[in-house]
Amino acid sequence: MRVYEELFILRPDTPEEETDQLIEQLSTLIAKHGGTVDKTDKWGIRKLAYRVQKRNEGFYVLLQFSAQPEAVKELERRMRVSDLVMKFITVRIDEKMKKIDKRKKSREKRAARRPPPQVAMPALSAEHIMAGAAEPGPRPGAPMPGAPAPAAPAPAAAPATPVAPVEKE
């Protein structure tokens, strides 16, 4: 058994009864060949990237199923002869799923080998030792460790040229 995704675009003016009937026919065909339909998604009417059969929109449907390759051949044959179907594509996804699972397992192995991150304890200051503080920590009003240092106040600007006092008469 292989896992496939079938994405097909139906004419946008297709009644919902005919859409459901076509999906049911395809599901029956897959079951007849010993496969199973895992997921059916109706995406609805969407704008097409380019005109297809003089239309700008289409009704998108996605089927995810497991079946033998013979079932896929028959499914595609029926799609070609159906008047409702404008476009379709079948993609085998079990190979991708295997690669994704393999990649996920290797990442988990690397994560298990990696040591946990170490958190550095702040050093006790002389004030804490003198005060008899049991737990090291910042003083009230002190900046947090790792926080940017506060900006130093700017020195008062001295006048550039001395000004002589003005005499009143």
Protein backbone atom coordinates (compact mmCIF):
# COMPACT_ATOMS: atom_id res chain seq x y z
CA MET A 1 0.00 0.00 0.00
CA ARG A 2 1.17 3.48 -0.84
CA VAL A 3 -0.13 6.81 0.41
CA TYR A 4 -1.30 9.37 -2.16
CA GLU A 5 -2.82 12.83 -2.32
CA GLU A 6 -5.20 13.62 -5.14
CA LEU A 7 -5.98 17.29 -5.68
CA PHE A 8 -8.56 18.05 -8.32
CA ILE A 9 -10.34 21.18 -9.49
CA LEU A 10 -13.99 20.99 -10.48
CA ARG A 11 -15.98 23.53 -12.47
CA PRO A 12 -17.12 26.31 -10.10
CA ASP A 13 -20.76 26.04 -11.23
CA THR A 14 -20.99 22.34 -10.27
CA PRO A 15 -23.88 21.69 -7.84
CA GLU A 16 -22.84 20.35 -4.43
CA GLU A 17 -24.82 17.13 -4.99
CA GLU A 18 -22.74 16.31 -8.07
CA THR A 19 -19.53 17.15 -6.19
CA ASP A 20 -20.48 14.81 -3.34
CA GLN A 21 -21.51 12.13 -5.84
CA LEU A 22 -18.12 12.32 -7.63
CA ILE A 23 -16.21 12.13 -4.32
CA GLU A 24 -18.32 9.12 -3.31
CA GLN A 25 -17.61 7.41 -6.66
CA LEU A 26 -13.87 7.94 -6.23
CA SER A 27 -13.96 6.68 -2.63
CA THR A 28 -15.87 3.56 -3.76
CA LEU A 29 -13.34 2.97 -6.53
CA ILE A 30 -10.46 3.17 -4.05
CA ALA A 31 -12.21 0.81 -1.63
CA LYS A 32 -12.96 -1.65 -4.46
CA HIS A 33 -9.22 -1.87 -5.20
CA GLY A 34 -8.44 -2.57 -1.53
CA GLY A 35 -7.49 0.96 -0.50
CA THR A 36 -8.77 3.35 2.15
CA VAL A 37 -9.64 7.05 2.01
CA ASP A 38 -7.89 8.75 4.94
CA LYS A 39 -9.05 12.34 4.49
CA THR A 40 -11.39 14.33 2.25
CA ASP A 41 -11.11 18.13 2.24
CA LYS A 42 -13.35 20.44 0.24
CA TRP A 43 -11.44 23.70 -0.06
CA GLY A 44 -14.23 25.48 -1.91
CA ILE A 45 -14.10 27.92 -4.79
CA ARG A 46 -10.72 29.59 -5.27
CA LYS A 47 -9.19 31.82 -7.89
CA LEU A 48 -7.00 30.01 -10.43
CA ALA A 49 -3.48 31.16 -11.26
CA TYR A 50 -4.38 31.15 -14.97
CA ARG A 51 -7.46 30.56 -17.09
CA VAL A 52 -8.49 26.93 -17.48
CA GLN A 53 -11.30 26.05 -19.91
CA LYS A 54 -12.22 29.77 -20.08
CA ARG A 55 -12.72 29.96 -16.30
CA ASN A 56 -10.89 32.00 -13.64
CA GLU A 57 -12.18 30.04 -10.62
CA GLY A 58 -12.51 26.40 -9.62
CA PHE A 59 -13.80 24.22 -6.77
CA TYR A 60 -10.81 22.52 -5.10
CA VAL A 61 -11.06 19.05 -3.48
CA LEU A 62 -8.23 17.14 -1.78
CA LEU A 63 -8.33 13.37 -1.18
CA GLN A 64 -5.68 11.59 0.87
CA PHE A 65 -5.80 7.82 0.49
CA SER A 66 -3.81 4.59 0.69
CA ALA A 67 -4.03 2.26 -2.30
CA GLN A 68 -2.18 0.16 -4.85
CA PRO A 69 -0.83 1.77 -8.04
CA GLU A 70 -3.56 0.07 -10.15
CA ALA A 71 -6.22 2.00 -8.22
CA VAL A 72 -4.45 5.27 -9.00
CA LYS A 73 -4.36 4.48 -12.72
CA GLU A 74 -8.12 3.84 -12.75
CA LEU A 75 -8.76 6.96 -10.65
CA GLU A 76 -6.80 9.15 -13.08
CA ARG A 77 -8.55 7.57 -16.07
CA ARG A 78 -11.93 8.51 -14.58
CA MET A 79 -10.72 12.04 -13.89
CA ARG A 80 -9.72 12.48 -17.55
CA VAL A 81 -13.13 11.45 -18.90
CA SER A 82 -15.20 13.37 -16.34
CA ASP A 83 -16.73 16.63 -17.57
CA LEU A 84 -16.74 18.09 -14.05
CA VAL A 85 -12.97 17.87 -13.54
CA MET A 86 -10.92 20.73 -15.00
CA LYS A 87 -7.50 19.75 -13.62
CA PHE A 88 -6.07 17.09 -11.29
CA ILE A 89 -2.75 15.99 -9.84
CA THR A 90 -1.80 12.84 -7.96
CA VAL A 91 1.21 12.88 -5.62
CA ARG A 92 2.71 9.94 -3.77
CA ILE A 93 3.46 11.18 -0.27
CA ASP A 94 4.59 8.06 1.61
CA GLU A 95 8.21 8.63 0.53
CA LYS A 96 8.10 12.18 1.90
CA MET A 97 6.54 10.94 5.14
CA LYS A 98 9.38 8.40 5.53
CA LYS A 99 11.99 11.13 5.02
CA ILE A 100 10.27 13.42 7.51
CA ASP A 101 10.05 10.64 10.13
CA LYS A 102 13.72 9.74 9.60
CA ARG A 103 14.77 13.39 9.97
CA LYS A 104 12.64 13.76 13.12
CA LYS A 105 14.22 10.65 14.71
CA SER A 106 17.76 11.87 13.99
CA ARG A 107 16.95 15.25 15.55
CA GLU A 108 15.58 13.54 18.66
CA LYS A 109 18.76 11.41 18.94
CA ARG A 110 20.97 14.51 18.70
CA ALA A 111 18.84 16.30 21.29
CA ALA A 112 19.16 13.34 23.67
CA ARG A 113 22.97 13.33 23.33
CA ARG A 114 23.27 17.05 23.90
CA PRO A 115 23.84 18.01 27.57
CA PRO A 116 21.21 20.25 29.15
CA PRO A 117 22.09 23.95 29.23
CA GLN A 118 23.86 25.04 32.42
CA VAL A 119 22.57 28.02 34.35
CA ALA A 120 25.29 30.08 36.03
CA MET A 121 24.68 31.01 39.68
CA PRO A 122 25.43 34.64 40.53
CA ALA A 123 28.44 35.07 42.84
CA LEU A 124 27.85 36.22 46.40
CA SER A 125 28.78 39.84 46.93
CA ALA A 126 30.56 41.12 50.03
CA GLU A 127 27.34 42.85 51.16
CA HIS A 128 25.45 39.56 51.09
CA ILE A 129 28.16 37.77 53.04
CA MET A 130 28.30 40.54 55.63
CA ALA A 131 24.51 40.72 55.92
CA GLY A 132 24.34 36.93 56.27
CA ALA A 133 22.05 36.48 53.30
CA ALA A 134 21.49 32.82 52.59
CA GLU A 135 20.40 33.23 49.00
CA PRO A 136 22.46 35.16 46.51
CA GLY A 137 20.51 37.68 44.55
CA PRO A 138 20.36 41.27 43.47
CA ARG A 139 20.06 44.07 46.01
CA PRO A 140 16.81 46.00 46.03
CA GLY A 141 17.12 48.75 43.48
CA ALA A 142 20.15 47.12 41.82
CA PRO A 143 20.01 46.33 38.11
CA MET A 144 19.24 42.74 37.13
CA PRO A 145 22.24 40.61 36.09
CA GLY A 146 22.63 40.67 32.34
CA ALA A 147 20.58 43.87 32.01
CA PRO A 148 22.18 46.78 30.17
CA ALA A 149 23.94 49.24 32.43
CA PRO A 150 22.12 52.53 33.03
CA ALA A 151 23.46 55.48 31.11
CA ALA A 152 25.76 57.80 33.11
CA PRO A 153 24.41 61.31 33.63
CA ALA A 154 25.87 63.82 31.21
CA PRO A 155 28.26 66.39 32.78
CA ALA A 156 26.97 69.95 32.97
CA ALA A 157 28.09 71.92 29.96
CA ALA A 158 30.38 74.86 30.76
CA PRO A 159 29.93 78.02 28.73
CA ALA A 160 32.34 78.22 25.83
CA THR A 161 33.39 81.87 26.41
CA PRO A 162 33.38 83.69 29.73
CA VAL A 163 30.71 86.36 29.93
CA ALA A 164 31.56 89.70 31.60
CA PRO A 165 29.02 91.09 34.07
CA VAL A 166 26.90 93.90 32.75
CA GLU A 167 27.06 97.19 34.73
CA LYS A 168 23.97 99.25 35.33
CA GLU A 169 24.15 103.02 35.26
